[in-house]
């Protein structure tokens, strides 16, 4: 481009340049939005498949009023777990127990038998997870040996009667997915009491 063209642009050139610039900015913004959406979807929950067992959207529930910078649950408190456990087999299986190195025990409440081609849904939300037809159970990390914070993952070992041990790394849930009036009002408060179901 000559010096005359640089310092004396025509009206058409100015308009064309403005249009190109606007399109470039719009395209860049759209790309950033798409990339952000993909990143959020990638960390929504852990997914593991082992033999006929499929674990989906496994995570530690983010507490209502919790901080994304500080510990969501402090050492010594309890943390509820949410997930879906599906049995893709013609025979039933049963969740026998669960354990984690970051908890003194894992409490499981409810019938943990998974029917053929059926599922369990671990949730502390009344009525379970919306849109999920799995049989409801509750699963809680009790007696945390350390603070549990957003941005990290924590191992959980699920032991099944037929499938054996299945390990899943639990991330912290997304605070945007909290249900108004739901459980988890603070890291230091344990969830409602209930019968134990074989946690170790």
Foldseek 3Di string as FASTA:
>chain_A
DDPCCVVPPDPVVVVVVVVVVVVVVVVVVVVVVVVVVVVCVVVQAWWDDFDQKTKPRKAWEQFVVADQVDFQAFAQAKIWIWIKIFGAAQAKKFFQEKEFPQAPKKFKADGRIAHHRAMEIADQFVVGDPPHPHHYMIIMRGRGRGGHHAPAWTWMWIQMPPRGIDIITHHYHDPVPDDVVTDRNGNRHYDDDDDGRNMD
